[in-house]
Protein backbone atom coordinates (compact mmCIF):
# COMPACT_ATOMS: atom_id res chain seq x y z
CA MET A 1 0.13 0.14 0.02
CA PRO A 2 1.38 3.44 -0.80
CA GLU A 3 2.98 5.26 2.08
CA GLY A 4 2.18 9.18 2.82
CA ASP A 5 5.23 10.31 0.98
CA THR A 6 3.88 8.52 -2.33
CA VAL A 7 0.47 10.21 -2.01
CA TRP A 8 2.01 13.41 -1.29
CA ASN A 9 3.99 13.10 -4.52
CA THR A 10 1.33 12.11 -6.29
CA ALA A 11 -0.58 15.12 -5.30
CA ARG A 12 2.30 17.42 -6.25
CA VAL A 13 1.95 15.43 -9.83
CA VAL A 14 -1.79 16.22 -10.22
CA GLU A 15 -1.10 19.67 -8.78
CA ARG A 16 1.60 20.58 -11.41
CA ALA A 17 -0.92 19.51 -14.38
CA LEU A 18 -4.23 20.80 -13.23
CA THR A 19 -4.02 23.57 -10.25
CA GLY A 20 -5.56 26.71 -11.61
CA GLN A 21 -6.90 25.24 -14.60
CA VAL A 22 -10.56 25.03 -15.76
CA LEU A 23 -11.95 21.73 -16.30
CA THR A 24 -12.93 21.14 -19.98
CA GLY A 25 -14.37 17.77 -19.58
CA SER A 26 -14.59 14.68 -16.81
CA ASP A 27 -15.39 11.12 -17.25
CA PHE A 28 -16.30 8.80 -14.23
CA ARG A 29 -16.52 5.29 -14.68
CA VAL A 30 -17.89 4.49 -11.12
CA PRO A 31 -21.50 3.75 -11.32
CA ARG A 32 -22.32 6.32 -8.29
CA LEU A 33 -20.50 9.17 -10.00
CA ALA A 34 -21.47 8.12 -13.68
CA THR A 35 -23.55 11.40 -14.38
CA ALA A 36 -21.04 13.85 -12.57
CA ASP A 37 -19.65 16.36 -14.78
CA LEU A 38 -17.01 18.69 -13.78
CA SER A 39 -16.80 20.62 -16.94
CA GLY A 40 -16.39 24.53 -15.90
CA TRP A 41 -14.97 23.75 -12.56
CA THR A 42 -11.33 25.26 -11.50
CA VAL A 43 -8.79 22.79 -9.69
CA ALA A 44 -8.02 25.10 -6.89
CA GLU A 45 -5.70 22.82 -5.02
CA SER A 46 -4.40 19.26 -5.26
CA ALA A 47 -3.72 18.24 -1.54
CA SER A 48 -2.89 14.90 0.41
CA ARG A 49 -4.00 13.92 3.92
CA GLY A 50 -2.27 10.74 5.07
CA LYS A 51 -2.84 8.29 2.45
CA HIS A 52 -5.93 10.09 0.83
CA LEU A 53 -5.65 12.58 -1.99
CA LEU A 54 -8.02 15.53 -1.98
CA LEU A 55 -8.47 17.51 -5.31
CA ARG A 56 -10.46 20.83 -4.32
CA LEU A 57 -12.56 22.50 -7.26
CA THR A 58 -14.25 25.81 -7.35
CA ARG A 59 -17.04 27.58 -9.49
CA ASP A 60 -18.34 30.81 -9.28
CA GLY A 61 -21.82 30.87 -7.69
CA GLU A 62 -21.40 27.25 -6.43
CA GLU A 63 -20.38 25.43 -3.27
CA PRO A 64 -16.71 24.18 -3.45
CA LEU A 65 -16.39 20.54 -4.07
CA THR A 66 -13.68 18.00 -3.31
CA LEU A 67 -12.96 14.76 -5.29
CA HIS A 68 -11.64 12.31 -2.79
CA SER A 69 -9.55 9.14 -3.85
CA HIS A 70 -7.57 6.57 -1.97
CA LEU A 71 -4.86 4.53 -3.63
CA ARG A 72 -5.04 1.51 -1.57
CA MET A 73 -2.36 -1.22 -3.20
CA GLU A 74 -3.01 -0.66 -6.86
CA GLY A 75 -4.36 2.93 -7.40
CA ALA A 76 -2.49 5.56 -9.34
CA TRP A 77 -2.73 9.10 -11.03
CA ARG A 78 -0.96 9.70 -14.20
CA THR A 79 -0.94 12.81 -16.19
CA TYR A 80 -0.42 13.41 -19.84
CA ALA A 81 -0.39 16.31 -22.18
CA PRO A 82 -3.77 16.53 -24.46
CA GLY A 83 -3.35 13.98 -27.36
CA GLU A 84 -0.66 12.17 -25.57
CA ARG A 85 -1.16 8.31 -25.51
CA TRP A 86 -2.33 7.06 -22.07
CA THR A 87 0.41 4.48 -20.78
CA GLY A 88 -0.09 4.13 -17.40
CA ARG A 89 -2.17 1.14 -16.99
CA PRO A 90 -5.10 -1.01 -18.95
CA ALA A 91 -8.05 1.10 -19.91
CA HIS A 92 -10.28 -1.14 -17.89
CA LEU A 93 -8.54 0.25 -14.87
CA ILE A 94 -9.53 3.79 -15.36
CA ARG A 95 -11.82 5.30 -12.90
CA VAL A 96 -11.87 8.90 -13.73
CA VAL A 97 -10.57 11.32 -16.45
CA LEU A 98 -10.17 14.86 -15.87
CA ARG A 99 -9.30 17.15 -18.92
CA SER A 100 -8.10 20.78 -19.17
CA ALA A 101 -6.65 22.86 -22.08
CA ARG A 102 -3.07 21.95 -20.87
CA ALA A 103 -3.16 18.54 -19.31
CA VAL A 104 -5.31 15.44 -18.80
CA ALA A 105 -5.24 13.48 -15.43
CA VAL A 106 -6.31 9.84 -15.42
CA GLY A 107 -6.92 7.88 -12.31
CA TYR A 108 -6.34 4.26 -12.41
CA HIS A 109 -7.66 1.45 -10.05
CA LEU A 110 -8.54 4.23 -7.28
CA HIS A 111 -10.50 3.25 -4.38
CA ASP A 112 -13.08 5.32 -2.32
CA LEU A 113 -13.88 7.86 -5.21
CA GLU A 114 -16.28 10.39 -4.11
CA LEU A 115 -17.30 14.01 -4.89
CA VAL A 116 -18.49 15.82 -1.93
CA PRO A 117 -18.87 19.50 -0.64
CA THR A 118 -15.62 20.55 0.48
CA ALA A 119 -17.16 21.66 3.76
CA GLU A 120 -18.10 17.91 4.41
CA GLU A 121 -14.29 16.59 3.74
CA LYS A 122 -14.27 15.57 7.50
CA ARG A 123 -16.69 13.00 6.66
CA LEU A 124 -13.84 11.36 4.79
CA VAL A 125 -10.58 12.13 6.72
CA GLY A 126 -11.94 13.46 9.98
CA HIS A 127 -11.07 10.15 11.59
CA LEU A 128 -7.30 10.69 10.94
CA GLY A 129 -4.75 11.16 13.28
CA PRO A 130 -2.01 14.06 12.89
CA ASP A 131 -0.85 14.02 9.25
CA LEU A 132 3.21 13.12 8.79
CA LEU A 133 3.72 15.61 6.10
CA GLY A 134 0.67 17.89 7.02
CA PRO A 135 0.80 21.30 8.56
CA ASP A 136 -1.10 19.68 11.69
CA TRP A 137 1.52 17.13 12.44
CA ASP A 138 1.73 16.91 16.29
CA PRO A 139 4.06 14.30 17.52
CA ALA A 140 2.66 14.59 21.30
CA GLU A 141 -0.87 14.02 19.94
CA ALA A 142 0.18 11.24 18.18
CA ALA A 143 1.67 9.73 20.89
CA ARG A 144 -1.37 10.44 22.96
CA ARG A 145 -3.32 8.35 20.63
CA ILE A 146 -1.13 5.54 20.30
CA GLY A 147 -0.86 5.41 24.20
CA ALA A 148 -4.76 5.44 24.76
CA GLN A 149 -4.74 1.55 23.37
CA PRO A 150 -1.91 0.08 25.65
CA GLU A 151 -2.77 -3.39 24.90
CA ALA A 152 -2.12 -2.80 20.86
CA THR A 153 1.18 -3.91 19.54
CA ILE A 154 3.55 -1.04 18.45
CA ALA A 155 3.32 -2.36 14.86
CA GLU A 156 -0.42 -2.14 14.87
CA ALA A 157 -0.56 1.37 16.33
CA LEU A 158 1.90 2.54 13.85
CA LEU A 159 -0.35 1.53 10.95
CA ASP A 160 -3.73 2.77 12.49
CA GLN A 161 -4.30 5.93 10.53
CA ARG A 162 -6.50 7.20 13.47
CA ASN A 163 -3.17 7.74 15.45
CA LEU A 164 -0.97 9.13 12.80
CA ALA A 165 -1.88 9.60 9.20
CA GLY A 166 0.84 8.41 6.41
CA VAL A 167 2.69 5.26 7.99
CA GLY A 168 2.57 2.03 5.85
CA ASN A 169 4.21 -1.20 6.05
CA LEU A 170 7.45 0.07 4.80
CA TYR A 171 8.23 2.96 7.38
CA LYS A 172 6.62 0.93 10.08
CA ALA A 173 9.25 -1.94 9.84
CA GLU A 174 12.02 0.40 9.47
CA THR A 175 10.93 2.56 12.28
CA LEU A 176 10.84 -0.21 14.60
CA PHE A 177 14.30 -1.54 13.58
CA LEU A 178 15.84 1.73 14.19
CA ARG A 179 14.06 2.19 17.66
CA GLY A 180 15.31 -1.45 18.55
CA LEU A 181 11.50 -2.62 18.86
CA TRP A 182 10.19 -6.23 18.34
CA PRO A 183 7.22 -5.30 16.13
CA TRP A 184 4.84 -7.16 18.56
CA THR A 185 5.72 -5.23 21.84
CA ARG A 186 2.70 -3.74 23.52
CA VAL A 187 2.19 -0.10 23.31
CA ALA A 188 2.46 0.09 27.21
CA ALA A 189 6.22 -1.42 27.33
CA VAL A 190 7.15 1.16 24.67
CA ALA A 191 9.49 3.80 26.69
CA ASP A 192 9.21 6.74 24.37
CA LEU A 193 6.23 6.80 22.00
CA THR A 194 7.03 10.52 21.11
CA GLY A 195 10.47 9.60 20.14
CA THR A 196 9.16 6.70 17.71
CA VAL A 197 6.59 8.65 16.07
CA GLU A 198 9.33 11.33 15.40
CA LEU A 199 11.46 9.05 13.85
CA ALA A 200 8.80 7.77 11.72
CA GLN A 201 7.79 11.33 10.66
CA ARG A 202 11.54 12.00 9.45
CA LEU A 203 11.74 8.99 7.37
CA VAL A 204 8.52 9.58 5.64
CA ALA A 205 9.34 13.29 4.96
CA SER A 206 12.97 12.62 3.86
CA ASN A 207 11.35 11.01 1.01
CA ARG A 208 9.05 13.74 -0.21
CA GLY A 209 9.96 14.80 -3.87
CA ARG A 210 11.34 11.47 -4.98
CA TRP A 211 9.53 8.25 -5.98
CA THR A 212 12.58 5.74 -4.68
CA GLN A 213 12.05 5.32 -0.97
CA THR A 214 15.09 5.02 1.06
CA THR A 215 15.82 4.78 4.86
CA THR A 216 19.32 4.03 4.88
CA GLY A 217 20.26 6.98 3.01
CA SER A 218 21.22 5.17 -0.15
CA LEU A 219 19.58 5.07 -3.58
CA ARG A 220 21.20 2.25 -5.02
CA ARG A 221 19.28 -0.76 -5.75
CA GLY A 222 19.29 -3.37 -2.81
CA GLU A 223 20.43 -0.74 -0.30
CA THR A 224 17.27 1.14 0.45
CA SER A 225 16.19 -0.52 3.68
CA TYR A 226 17.63 -1.98 6.69
CA VAL A 227 14.68 -4.85 6.95
CA TYR A 228 11.84 -4.35 4.89
CA GLY A 229 11.85 -6.85 1.62
CA ARG A 230 15.02 -8.28 3.10
CA ARG A 231 13.97 -11.65 4.42
CA ALA A 232 16.69 -14.09 5.05
CA GLN A 233 19.18 -11.37 4.06
CA PRO A 234 21.89 -10.24 6.73
CA CYS A 235 21.03 -7.49 8.85
CA ARG A 236 23.15 -4.48 7.99
CA ARG A 237 24.18 -3.96 11.67
CA CYS A 238 24.66 -7.55 13.04
CA GLY A 239 24.73 -9.97 10.11
CA THR A 240 21.53 -12.00 11.81
CA ALA A 241 19.32 -13.23 8.92
CA ILE A 242 16.22 -10.58 8.85
CA GLN A 243 12.93 -12.67 9.50
CA LYS A 244 9.67 -12.03 7.91
CA ALA A 245 6.17 -12.83 9.46
CA GLU A 246 2.88 -12.59 7.90
CA SER A 247 0.75 -13.11 10.88
CA SER A 248 1.32 -12.13 14.47
CA PRO A 249 3.06 -14.72 16.55
CA LEU A 250 0.76 -13.38 19.36
CA LEU A 251 -2.38 -14.19 17.31
CA THR A 252 -0.99 -17.56 16.24
CA SER A 253 -0.04 -18.48 19.91
CA ARG A 254 -3.76 -17.44 21.21
CA GLN A 255 -5.34 -19.39 18.51
CA THR A 256 -3.31 -22.60 19.36
CA THR A 257 -4.30 -22.14 22.86
CA GLN A 258 -7.99 -21.96 22.21
CA GLN A 259 -7.80 -24.94 20.01
CA ALA A 260 -5.96 -27.08 22.49
CA GLY A 261 -8.85 -26.11 25.06
CA ARG A 262 -6.21 -24.83 27.60
CA ARG A 263 -7.10 -21.99 29.85
CA PRO A 264 -5.08 -19.19 28.87
CA PRO A 265 -3.08 -17.16 31.13
CA GLY A 266 -5.13 -14.67 33.34
CA GLY A 267 -8.06 -16.92 33.52
CA THR A 268 -11.11 -17.16 30.95
CA ALA A 269 -12.37 -13.88 31.66
CA GLY A 270 -9.17 -12.34 30.86
CA ARG A 271 -8.71 -14.36 27.83
CA ALA A 272 -12.37 -13.31 26.50
CA GLY A 273 -11.19 -9.76 27.15
CA GLY A 274 -8.34 -10.13 25.23
CA ASN A 275 -10.05 -11.48 22.04
CA ALA A 276 -12.35 -8.62 22.52
CA ALA A 277 -9.45 -6.08 22.61
CA LEU A 278 -7.79 -7.58 19.61
CA SER A 279 -10.98 -7.31 17.64
CA ARG A 280 -11.34 -3.76 18.52
CA THR A 281 -7.97 -3.08 17.63
CA ALA A 282 -7.92 -4.81 14.18
CA GLY A 283 -11.15 -2.97 13.37
CA ARG A 284 -9.85 0.65 14.24
CA ILE A 285 -7.43 0.56 11.12
CA GLY A 286 -8.51 3.53 8.90
CA GLU A 287 -7.61 1.87 5.84
CA LYS A 288 -7.46 -2.06 6.29
CA ALA A 289 -8.52 -4.21 8.95
CA GLU A 290 -7.00 -7.36 10.55
CA LEU A 291 -3.64 -5.53 11.00
CA GLU A 292 -1.93 -8.43 12.75
CA ASP A 293 -2.19 -10.03 9.39
CA ARG A 294 0.29 -7.41 7.89
CA ILE A 295 3.51 -8.63 6.69
CA THR A 296 6.16 -7.66 9.18
CA TYR A 297 10.21 -7.86 8.84
CA TRP A 298 12.66 -7.66 11.70
CA CYS A 299 15.87 -8.58 13.11
CA PRO A 300 15.55 -10.86 15.79
CA ARG A 301 18.90 -9.75 17.39
CA CYS A 302 18.58 -5.98 17.03
CA GLN A 303 14.86 -6.25 17.82
CA PRO A 304 14.79 -8.91 20.67
CA GLU A 305 11.45 -10.17 22.06
CA PRO A 306 11.07 -8.42 25.36
CA ALA A 307 10.35 -11.07 28.40
CA ALA A 308 7.01 -9.26 29.05
CA ALA A 309 5.77 -10.42 25.70
CA ALA A 310 5.68 -13.84 26.32
CA ARG A 311 3.60 -15.67 23.85
CA THR A 312 1.60 -18.08 25.84
């Protein structure tokens, strides 16, 4: 899934092509917007909010509108000169086309495409936490939100867009490595939440304005990350093989315990409460549920499992 810097960069691409331009035509290829016509509307601003892209539109005598889109895993915006061949993606993936005298913007495989009054933007993005690349970035507030769910894992907490908007799997994994945190450490056991979110913000911000993402300082192929995408390769610090998990060992352990019919630590009541908390945590994700199923990379030596995070 694209991270906050990718969406920020995408917003800049659309901004350069369309901001200040009067649209000469639009073509929506999603049923609920099939009859919408933005001809005559001026593109006032192209903005990102976490992983959401907001295209703000104005027209004399009309209430301002916002075209909202989310890239999810496969979405993309591409811009072309009028008459230029569209080479971005197959035509059947096109969801919207916006035309002006200067450029054409094509949205491929976009999700959550909505056209709403700008005054109602909060309905779409109001649930998000402080934006890592926005003017509202507030590390103390992000840390406060994370700390309000002490039983969540730190990996879950960083991905939850209600806590802070813009972190995806890449920056989650790299932030936790650089902080020496086992991904499934409970939030309550993390000593410096503010320092953790500040590092995540610096990593995301460092990649604004370029498409190649790096957390190591190198843009060379194969040298751009410490742990992300490096399963079985040696850790750049200690040489230990990088590990990859496709589900949380905590969740796997819980399921094994339940299936075996054993009473979990803390008694039956504690287990029921733990499952309920897990369900709530998974459902809190702004962009995708079941956070513990997210792929995770880590170095078992540099990010050791704390004794308090026993799995059974």
